[in-house]
Amino acid sequence: MASGLFRLNSVGSVGDSYDKALAETINGLFKTEVIYRRGHWRSFEVVECATLEWVDWFNKRRLLELIGNIPPAEAEADYYAALETEPMVA
């Protein structure tokens, strides 16, 4: 692309309820749990570090009830381990 920016394809059509809804939900959750809760930030670097910590927790360590109160990273590892042990069917 000439501008160097990437376009993200939307799940829904422009203007419907699915248009970038997941991204907006995650951004809102992050702002609520990190940005607003921790208050005043001393620098951009502190915000950046807090963001990285939250993303790591969200993707790897938070417990999800729907998958048996295990972290997403553990569920993903279990999924791929099960794929390796299943016999191939022709």
PDB file of N, CA and C in Angstrom:
ATOM      1  N   MET A   1       0.845  -1.177   0.000  1.00  0.00           N
ATOM      2  CA  MET A   1       0.000   0.000   0.000  1.00  0.00           C
ATOM      3  C   MET A   1       0.890   1.240   0.000  1.00  0.00           C
ATOM      4  N   ALA A   2       0.488   2.204  -0.710  1.00  0.00           N
ATOM      5  CA  ALA A   2       1.302   3.400  -0.862  1.00  0.00           C
ATOM      6  C   ALA A   2       1.460   4.173   0.438  1.00  0.00           C
ATOM      7  N   SER A   3       0.405   4.209   1.240  1.00  0.00           N
ATOM      8  CA  SER A   3       0.461   4.999   2.470  1.00  0.00           C
ATOM      9  C   SER A   3       1.206   4.292   3.591  1.00  0.00           C
ATOM     10  N   GLY A   4       1.425   2.995   3.432  1.00  0.00           N
ATOM     11  CA  GLY A   4       2.112   2.256   4.475  1.00  0.00           C
ATOM     12  C   GLY A   4       1.191   1.822   5.601  1.00  0.00           C
ATOM     13  N   LEU A   5      -0.097   2.101   5.502  1.00  0.00           N
ATOM     14  CA  LEU A   5      -1.068   1.705   6.520  1.00  0.00           C
ATOM     15  C   LEU A   5      -1.769   0.433   6.084  1.00  0.00           C
ATOM     16  N   PHE A   6      -2.136  -0.376   7.037  1.00  0.00           N
ATOM     17  CA  PHE A   6      -2.849  -1.606   6.740  1.00  0.00           C
ATOM     18  C   PHE A   6      -4.327  -1.383   6.978  1.00  0.00           C
ATOM     19  N   ARG A   7      -5.129  -1.980   6.132  1.00  0.00           N
ATOM     20  CA  ARG A   7      -6.578  -1.930   6.323  1.00  0.00           C
ATOM     21  C   ARG A   7      -7.015  -3.230   6.967  1.00  0.00           C
ATOM     22  N   LEU A   8      -7.878  -3.146   7.950  1.00  0.00           N
ATOM     23  CA  LEU A   8      -8.427  -4.330   8.581  1.00  0.00           C
ATOM     24  C   LEU A   8      -9.800  -4.602   7.989  1.00  0.00           C
ATOM     25  N   ASN A   9     -10.012  -5.833   7.556  1.00  0.00           N
ATOM     26  CA  ASN A   9     -11.325  -6.189   7.048  1.00  0.00           C
ATOM     27  C   ASN A   9     -12.298  -6.286   8.209  1.00  0.00           C
ATOM     28  N   SER A  10     -13.485  -5.808   8.007  1.00  0.00           N
ATOM     29  CA  SER A  10     -14.508  -5.825   9.033  1.00  0.00           C
ATOM     30  C   SER A  10     -15.249  -7.146   8.992  1.00  0.00           C
ATOM     31  N   VAL A  11     -15.730  -7.583  10.156  1.00  0.00           N
ATOM     32  CA  VAL A  11     -16.529  -8.798  10.218  1.00  0.00           C
ATOM     33  C   VAL A  11     -17.883  -8.561   9.556  1.00  0.00           C
ATOM     34  N   GLY A  12     -18.467  -7.412   9.800  1.00  0.00           N
ATOM     35  CA  GLY A  12     -19.772  -7.093   9.229  1.00  0.00           C
ATOM     36  C   GLY A  12     -19.639  -6.065   8.132  1.00  0.00           C
ATOM     37  N   SER A  13     -20.780  -5.632   7.671  1.00  0.00           N
ATOM     38  CA  SER A  13     -20.764  -4.572   6.666  1.00  0.00           C
ATOM     39  C   SER A  13     -20.682  -3.231   7.385  1.00  0.00           C
ATOM     40  N   VAL A  14     -20.286  -2.202   6.664  1.00  0.00           N
ATOM     41  CA  VAL A  14     -20.104  -0.884   7.270  1.00  0.00           C
ATOM     42  C   VAL A  14     -21.412  -0.420   7.897  1.00  0.00           C
ATOM     43  N   GLY A  15     -21.314  -0.033   9.156  1.00  0.00           N
ATOM     44  CA  GLY A  15     -22.469   0.524   9.844  1.00  0.00           C
ATOM     45  C   GLY A  15     -23.306  -0.468  10.610  1.00  0.00           C
ATOM     46  N   ASP A  16     -23.100  -1.787  10.431  1.00  0.00           N
ATOM     47  CA  ASP A  16     -23.915  -2.717  11.201  1.00  0.00           C
ATOM     48  C   ASP A  16     -23.263  -2.997  12.556  1.00  0.00           C
ATOM     49  N   SER A  17     -23.931  -3.778  13.381  1.00  0.00           N
ATOM     50  CA  SER A  17     -23.481  -3.968  14.759  1.00  0.00           C
ATOM     51  C   SER A  17     -22.204  -4.789  14.876  1.00  0.00           C
ATOM     52  N   TYR A  18     -21.813  -5.479  13.813  1.00  0.00           N
ATOM     53  CA  TYR A  18     -20.598  -6.282  13.885  1.00  0.00           C
ATOM     54  C   TYR A  18     -19.367  -5.541  13.386  1.00  0.00           C
ATOM     55  N   ASP A  19     -19.535  -4.327  12.920  1.00  0.00           N
ATOM     56  CA  ASP A  19     -18.431  -3.560  12.357  1.00  0.00           C
ATOM     57  C   ASP A  19     -17.437  -3.178  13.446  1.00  0.00           C
ATOM     58  N   LYS A  20     -16.327  -3.885  13.496  1.00  0.00           N
ATOM     59  CA  LYS A  20     -15.242  -3.648  14.451  1.00  0.00           C
ATOM     60  C   LYS A  20     -15.686  -3.762  15.919  1.00  0.00           C
ATOM     61  N   ALA A  21     -16.755  -4.510  16.159  1.00  0.00           N
ATOM     62  CA  ALA A  21     -17.291  -4.625  17.515  1.00  0.00           C
ATOM     63  C   ALA A  21     -16.316  -5.309  18.467  1.00  0.00           C
ATOM     64  N   LEU A  22     -15.639  -6.340  18.017  1.00  0.00           N
ATOM     65  CA  LEU A  22     -14.710  -7.043  18.903  1.00  0.00           C
ATOM     66  C   LEU A  22     -13.566  -6.135  19.328  1.00  0.00           C
ATOM     67  N   ALA A  23     -12.992  -5.407  18.375  1.00  0.00           N
ATOM     68  CA  ALA A  23     -11.888  -4.494  18.708  1.00  0.00           C
ATOM     69  C   ALA A  23     -12.356  -3.418  19.684  1.00  0.00           C
ATOM     70  N   GLU A  24     -13.535  -2.890  19.476  1.00  0.00           N
ATOM     71  CA  GLU A  24     -14.048  -1.862  20.376  1.00  0.00           C
ATOM     72  C   GLU A  24     -14.310  -2.425  21.763  1.00  0.00           C
ATOM     73  N   THR A  25     -14.764  -3.656  21.837  1.00  0.00           N
ATOM     74  CA  THR A  25     -15.021  -4.292  23.128  1.00  0.00           C
ATOM     75  C   THR A  25     -13.723  -4.499  23.901  1.00  0.00           C
ATOM     76  N   ILE A  26     -12.698  -5.019  23.221  1.00  0.00           N
ATOM     77  CA  ILE A  26     -11.414  -5.249  23.882  1.00  0.00           C
ATOM     78  C   ILE A  26     -10.784  -3.930  24.315  1.00  0.00           C
ATOM     79  N   ASN A  27     -10.858  -2.914  23.455  1.00  0.00           N
ATOM     80  CA  ASN A  27     -10.311  -1.601  23.816  1.00  0.00           C
ATOM     81  C   ASN A  27     -11.023  -1.032  25.033  1.00  0.00           C
ATOM     82  N   GLY A  28     -12.343  -1.156  25.080  1.00  0.00           N
ATOM     83  CA  GLY A  28     -13.106  -0.668  26.228  1.00  0.00           C
ATOM     84  C   GLY A  28     -12.754  -1.406  27.498  1.00  0.00           C
ATOM     85  N   LEU A  29     -12.601  -2.729  27.390  1.00  0.00           N
ATOM     86  CA  LEU A  29     -12.214  -3.537  28.542  1.00  0.00           C
ATOM     87  C   LEU A  29     -10.840  -3.122  29.058  1.00  0.00           C
ATOM     88  N   PHE A  30      -9.893  -2.936  28.143  1.00  0.00           N
ATOM     89  CA  PHE A  30      -8.550  -2.510  28.524  1.00  0.00           C
ATOM     90  C   PHE A  30      -8.577  -1.154  29.218  1.00  0.00           C
ATOM     91  N   LYS A  31      -9.302  -0.207  28.657  1.00  0.00           N
ATOM     92  CA  LYS A  31      -9.372   1.129  29.262  1.00  0.00           C
ATOM     93  C   LYS A  31      -9.967   1.062  30.661  1.00  0.00           C
ATOM     94  N   THR A  32     -11.019   0.255  30.823  1.00  0.00           N
ATOM     95  CA  THR A  32     -11.668   0.132  32.128  1.00  0.00           C
ATOM     96  C   THR A  32     -10.752  -0.525  33.149  1.00  0.00           C
ATOM     97  N   GLU A  33     -10.108  -1.617  32.751  1.00  0.00           N
ATOM     98  CA  GLU A  33      -9.309  -2.388  33.696  1.00  0.00           C
ATOM     99  C   GLU A  33      -7.926  -1.798  33.975  1.00  0.00           C
ATOM    100  N   VAL A  34      -7.376  -1.043  33.036  1.00  0.00           N
ATOM    101  CA  VAL A  34      -6.009  -0.560  33.210  1.00  0.00           C
ATOM    102  C   VAL A  34      -5.935   0.963  33.226  1.00  0.00           C
ATOM    103  N   ILE A  35      -6.314   1.590  32.158  1.00  0.00           N
ATOM    104  CA  ILE A  35      -6.092   3.029  32.009  1.00  0.00           C
ATOM    105  C   ILE A  35      -6.836   3.834  33.066  1.00  0.00           C
ATOM    106  N   TYR A  36      -8.140   3.640  33.204  1.00  0.00           N
ATOM    107  CA  TYR A  36      -8.918   4.447  34.147  1.00  0.00           C
ATOM    108  C   TYR A  36      -8.696   4.024  35.597  1.00  0.00           C
ATOM    109  N   ARG A  37      -8.525   2.726  35.837  1.00  0.00           N
ATOM    110  CA  ARG A  37      -8.392   2.216  37.197  1.00  0.00           C
ATOM    111  C   ARG A  37      -7.095   2.667  37.865  1.00  0.00           C
ATOM    112  N   ARG A  38      -6.013   2.724  37.099  1.00  0.00           N
ATOM    113  CA  ARG A  38      -4.715   3.069  37.685  1.00  0.00           C
ATOM    114  C   ARG A  38      -4.484   4.567  37.795  1.00  0.00           C
ATOM    115  N   GLY A  39      -5.362   5.359  37.227  1.00  0.00           N
ATOM    116  CA  GLY A  39      -5.273   6.803  37.424  1.00  0.00           C
ATOM    117  C   GLY A  39      -4.244   7.514  36.583  1.00  0.00           C
ATOM    118  N   HIS A  40      -3.544   8.441  37.196  1.00  0.00           N
ATOM    119  CA  HIS A  40      -2.614   9.312  36.482  1.00  0.00           C
ATOM    120  C   HIS A  40      -1.357   8.546  36.072  1.00  0.00           C
ATOM    121  N   TRP A  41      -0.939   8.758  34.836  1.00  0.00           N
ATOM    122  CA  TRP A  41       0.226   8.070  34.293  1.00  0.00           C
ATOM    123  C   TRP A  41       1.390   9.043  34.205  1.00  0.00           C
ATOM    124  N   ARG A  42       2.567   8.594  34.618  1.00  0.00           N
ATOM    125  CA  ARG A  42       3.754   9.459  34.637  1.00  0.00           C
ATOM    126  C   ARG A  42       4.353   9.684  33.257  1.00  0.00           C
ATOM    127  N   SER A  43       4.273   8.654  32.404  1.00  0.00           N
ATOM    128  CA  SER A  43       4.899   8.784  31.084  1.00  0.00           C
ATOM    129  C   SER A  43       4.287   7.779  30.121  1.00  0.00           C
ATOM    130  N   PHE A  44       4.604   7.979  28.859  1.00  0.00           N
ATOM    131  CA  PHE A  44       4.161   7.050  27.826  1.00  0.00           C
ATOM    132  C   PHE A  44       4.738   5.659  28.068  1.00  0.00           C
ATOM    133  N   GLU A  45       5.977   5.587  28.513  1.00  0.00           N
ATOM    134  CA  GLU A  45       6.636   4.315  28.740  1.00  0.00           C
ATOM    135  C   GLU A  45       5.922   3.494  29.811  1.00  0.00           C
ATOM    136  N   VAL A  46       5.419   4.151  30.841  1.00  0.00           N
ATOM    137  CA  VAL A  46       4.699   3.453  31.903  1.00  0.00           C
ATOM    138  C   VAL A  46       3.394   2.876  31.355  1.00  0.00           C
ATOM    139  N   VAL A  47       2.703   3.636  30.517  1.00  0.00           N
ATOM    140  CA  VAL A  47       1.474   3.153  29.880  1.00  0.00           C
ATOM    141  C   VAL A  47       1.794   1.975  28.966  1.00  0.00           C
ATOM    142  N   GLU A  48       2.878   2.097  28.222  1.00  0.00           N
ATOM    143  CA  GLU A  48       3.279   1.030  27.309  1.00  0.00           C
ATOM    144  C   GLU A  48       3.574  -0.263  28.071  1.00  0.00           C
ATOM    145  N   CYS A  49       4.268  -0.172  29.166  1.00  0.00           N
ATOM    146  CA  CYS A  49       4.591  -1.339  29.980  1.00  0.00           C
ATOM    147  C   CYS A  49       3.320  -1.960  30.569  1.00  0.00           C
ATOM    148  N   ALA A  50       2.420  -1.133  31.072  1.00  0.00           N
ATOM    149  CA  ALA A  50       1.155  -1.619  31.625  1.00  0.00           C
ATOM    150  C   ALA A  50       0.324  -2.306  30.547  1.00  0.00           C
ATOM    151  N   THR A  51       0.376  -1.772  29.340  1.00  0.00           N
ATOM    152  CA  THR A  51      -0.353  -2.376  28.220  1.00  0.00           C
ATOM    153  C   THR A  51       0.195  -3.763  27.914  1.00  0.00           C
ATOM    154  N   LEU A  52       1.501  -3.889  27.851  1.00  0.00           N
ATOM    155  CA  LEU A  52       2.121  -5.183  27.567  1.00  0.00           C
ATOM    156  C   LEU A  52       1.804  -6.202  28.662  1.00  0.00           C
ATOM    157  N   GLU A  53       1.819  -5.776  29.907  1.00  0.00           N
ATOM    158  CA  GLU A  53       1.484  -6.673  31.014  1.00  0.00           C
ATOM    159  C   GLU A  53       0.050  -7.159  30.913  1.00  0.00           C
ATOM    160  N   TRP A  54      -0.890  -6.240  30.586  1.00  0.00           N
ATOM    161  CA  TRP A  54      -2.299  -6.603  30.491  1.00  0.00           C
ATOM    162  C   TRP A  54      -2.537  -7.549  29.315  1.00  0.00           C
ATOM    163  N   VAL A  55      -1.932  -7.295  28.187  1.00  0.00           N
ATOM    164  CA  VAL A  55      -2.098  -8.162  27.014  1.00  0.00           C
ATOM    165  C   VAL A  55      -1.560  -9.562  27.320  1.00  0.00           C
ATOM    166  N   ASP A  56      -0.416  -9.644  27.999  1.00  0.00           N
ATOM    167  CA  ASP A  56       0.129 -10.938  28.387  1.00  0.00           C
ATOM    168  C   ASP A  56      -0.840 -11.675  29.302  1.00  0.00           C
ATOM    169  N   TRP A  57      -1.375 -10.985  30.292  1.00  0.00           N
ATOM    170  CA  TRP A  57      -2.346 -11.598  31.202  1.00  0.00           C
ATOM    171  C   TRP A  57      -3.596 -12.037  30.437  1.00  0.00           C
ATOM    172  N   PHE A  58      -4.126 -11.160  29.596  1.00  0.00           N
ATOM    173  CA  PHE A  58      -5.365 -11.441  28.869  1.00  0.00           C
ATOM    174  C   PHE A  58      -5.208 -12.647  27.949  1.00  0.00           C
ATOM    175  N   ASN A  59      -4.075 -12.754  27.272  1.00  0.00           N
ATOM    176  CA  ASN A  59      -3.876 -13.828  26.299  1.00  0.00           C
ATOM    177  C   ASN A  59      -3.365 -15.126  26.910  1.00  0.00           C
ATOM    178  N   LYS A  60      -2.663 -15.053  28.038  1.00  0.00           N
ATOM    179  CA  LYS A  60      -1.990 -16.249  28.549  1.00  0.00           C
ATOM    180  C   LYS A  60      -2.417 -16.716  29.931  1.00  0.00           C
ATOM    181  N   ARG A  61      -2.819 -15.806  30.828  1.00  0.00           N
ATOM    182  CA  ARG A  61      -2.964 -16.201  32.222  1.00  0.00           C
ATOM    183  C   ARG A  61      -4.361 -16.076  32.804  1.00  0.00           C
ATOM    184  N   ARG A  62      -5.260 -15.331  32.195  1.00  0.00           N
ATOM    185  CA  ARG A  62      -6.591 -15.175  32.790  1.00  0.00           C
ATOM    186  C   ARG A  62      -7.343 -16.488  32.725  1.00  0.00           C
ATOM    187  N   LEU A  63      -8.173 -16.753  33.695  1.00  0.00           N
ATOM    188  CA  LEU A  63      -8.927 -17.996  33.751  1.00  0.00           C
ATOM    189  C   LEU A  63     -10.270 -17.797  33.064  1.00  0.00           C
ATOM    190  N   LEU A  64     -10.596 -18.724  32.179  1.00  0.00           N
ATOM    191  CA  LEU A  64     -11.852 -18.642  31.440  1.00  0.00           C
ATOM    192  C   LEU A  64     -12.784 -19.762  31.881  1.00  0.00           C
ATOM    193  N   GLU A  65     -13.926 -19.395  32.430  1.00  0.00           N
ATOM    194  CA  GLU A  65     -14.882 -20.372  32.929  1.00  0.00           C
ATOM    195  C   GLU A  65     -15.390 -21.295  31.828  1.00  0.00           C
ATOM    196  N   LEU A  66     -15.627 -20.755  30.642  1.00  0.00           N
ATOM    197  CA  LEU A  66     -16.190 -21.549  29.548  1.00  0.00           C
ATOM    198  C   LEU A  66     -15.287 -22.688  29.084  1.00  0.00           C
ATOM    199  N   ILE A  67     -14.011 -22.611  29.370  1.00  0.00           N
ATOM    200  CA  ILE A  67     -13.095 -23.675  28.952  1.00  0.00           C
ATOM    201  C   ILE A  67     -12.516 -24.416  30.158  1.00  0.00           C
ATOM    202  N   GLY A  68     -13.218 -24.377  31.283  1.00  0.00           N
ATOM    203  CA  GLY A  68     -12.801 -25.152  32.452  1.00  0.00           C
ATOM    204  C   GLY A  68     -11.920 -24.423  33.437  1.00  0.00           C
ATOM    205  N   ASN A  69     -12.037 -23.098  33.490  1.00  0.00           N
ATOM    206  CA  ASN A  69     -11.241 -22.282  34.408  1.00  0.00           C
ATOM    207  C   ASN A  69      -9.742 -22.503  34.233  1.00  0.00           C
ATOM    208  N   ILE A  70      -9.332 -22.542  32.975  1.00  0.00           N
ATOM    209  CA  ILE A  70      -7.918 -22.622  32.647  1.00  0.00           C
ATOM    210  C   ILE A  70      -7.561 -21.426  31.774  1.00  0.00           C
ATOM    211  N   PRO A  71      -6.292 -21.061  31.730  1.00  0.00           N
ATOM    212  CA  PRO A  71      -5.874 -19.927  30.895  1.00  0.00           C
ATOM    213  C   PRO A  71      -5.954 -20.277  29.405  1.00  0.00           C
ATOM    214  N   PRO A  72      -6.141 -19.275  28.552  1.00  0.00           N
ATOM    215  CA  PRO A  72      -6.194 -19.516  27.110  1.00  0.00           C
ATOM    216  C   PRO A  72      -4.951 -20.222  26.576  1.00  0.00           C
ATOM    217  N   ALA A  73      -3.780 -19.874  27.060  1.00  0.00           N
ATOM    218  CA  ALA A  73      -2.550 -20.506  26.570  1.00  0.00           C
ATOM    219  C   ALA A  73      -2.545 -22.001  26.872  1.00  0.00           C
ATOM    220  N   GLU A  74      -3.064 -22.380  28.039  1.00  0.00           N
ATOM    221  CA  GLU A  74      -3.131 -23.798  28.386  1.00  0.00           C
ATOM    222  C   GLU A  74      -4.136 -24.528  27.501  1.00  0.00           C
ATOM    223  N   ALA A  75      -5.275 -23.889  27.243  1.00  0.00           N
ATOM    224  CA  ALA A  75      -6.278 -24.488  26.368  1.00  0.00           C
ATOM    225  C   ALA A  75      -5.728 -24.676  24.956  1.00  0.00           C
ATOM    226  N   GLU A  76      -4.980 -23.696  24.479  1.00  0.00           N
ATOM    227  CA  GLU A  76      -4.387 -23.799  23.150  1.00  0.00           C
ATOM    228  C   GLU A  76      -3.360 -24.932  23.099  1.00  0.00           C
ATOM    229  N   ALA A  77      -2.532 -25.041  24.119  1.00  0.00           N
ATOM    230  CA  ALA A  77      -1.537 -26.117  24.171  1.00  0.00           C
ATOM    231  C   ALA A  77      -2.224 -27.483  24.207  1.00  0.00           C
ATOM    232  N   ASP A  78      -3.297 -27.609  24.991  1.00  0.00           N
ATOM    233  CA  ASP A  78      -4.056 -28.868  25.055  1.00  0.00           C
ATOM    234  C   ASP A  78      -4.650 -29.215  23.694  1.00  0.00           C
ATOM    235  N   TYR A  79      -5.168 -28.209  22.996  1.00  0.00           N
ATOM    236  CA  TYR A  79      -5.773 -28.415  21.679  1.00  0.00           C
ATOM    237  C   TYR A  79      -4.747 -28.976  20.695  1.00  0.00           C
ATOM    238  N   TYR A  80      -3.580 -28.348  20.617  1.00  0.00           N
ATOM    239  CA  TYR A  80      -2.555 -28.807  19.675  1.00  0.00           C
ATOM    240  C   TYR A  80      -1.974 -30.155  20.088  1.00  0.00           C
ATOM    241  N   ALA A  81      -1.883 -30.429  21.378  1.00  0.00           N
ATOM    242  CA  ALA A  81      -1.408 -31.736  21.836  1.00  0.00           C
ATOM    243  C   ALA A  81      -2.404 -32.822  21.427  1.00  0.00           C
ATOM    244  N   ALA A  82      -3.695 -32.519  21.525  1.00  0.00           N
ATOM    245  CA  ALA A  82      -4.716 -33.494  21.123  1.00  0.00           C
ATOM    246  C   ALA A  82      -4.657 -33.743  19.619  1.00  0.00           C
ATOM    247  N   LEU A  83      -4.369 -32.725  18.832  1.00  0.00           N
ATOM    248  CA  LEU A  83      -4.255 -32.929  17.388  1.00  0.00           C
ATOM    249  C   LEU A  83      -3.110 -33.867  17.042  1.00  0.00           C
ATOM    250  N   GLU A  84      -2.019 -33.783  17.799  1.00  0.00           N
ATOM    251  CA  GLU A  84      -0.858 -34.637  17.530  1.00  0.00           C
ATOM    252  C   GLU A  84      -1.100 -36.086  17.905  1.00  0.00           C
ATOM    253  N   THR A  85      -1.993 -36.332  18.869  1.00  0.00           N
ATOM    254  CA  THR A  85      -2.225 -37.699  19.313  1.00  0.00           C
ATOM    255  C   THR A  85      -3.353 -38.387  18.567  1.00  0.00           C
ATOM    256  N   GLU A  86      -4.190 -37.624  17.851  1.00  0.00           N
ATOM    257  CA  GLU A  86      -5.289 -38.237  17.102  1.00  0.00           C
ATOM    258  C   GLU A  86      -4.744 -38.942  15.866  1.00  0.00           C
ATOM    259  N   PRO A  87      -5.258 -40.155  15.593  1.00  0.00           N
ATOM    260  CA  PRO A  87      -4.790 -40.861  14.394  1.00  0.00           C
ATOM    261  C   PRO A  87      -5.311 -40.192  13.115  1.00  0.00           C
ATOM    262  N   MET A  88      -4.523 -40.276  12.075  1.00  0.00           N
ATOM    263  CA  MET A  88      -4.924 -39.724  10.784  1.00  0.00           C
ATOM    264  C   MET A  88      -5.942 -40.666  10.133  1.00  0.00           C
ATOM    265  N   VAL A  89      -7.000 -40.102   9.601  1.00  0.00           N
ATOM    266  CA  VAL A  89      -8.029 -40.891   8.942  1.00  0.00           C
ATOM    267  C   VAL A  89      -7.963 -40.601   7.448  1.00  0.00           C
ATOM    268  N   ALA A  90      -7.969 -41.652   6.657  1.00  0.00           N
ATOM    269  CA  ALA A  90      -7.874 -41.474   5.203  1.00  0.00           C
ATOM    270  C   ALA A  90      -9.213 -41.230   4.579  1.00  0.00           C
TER     271      ALA A  90
END
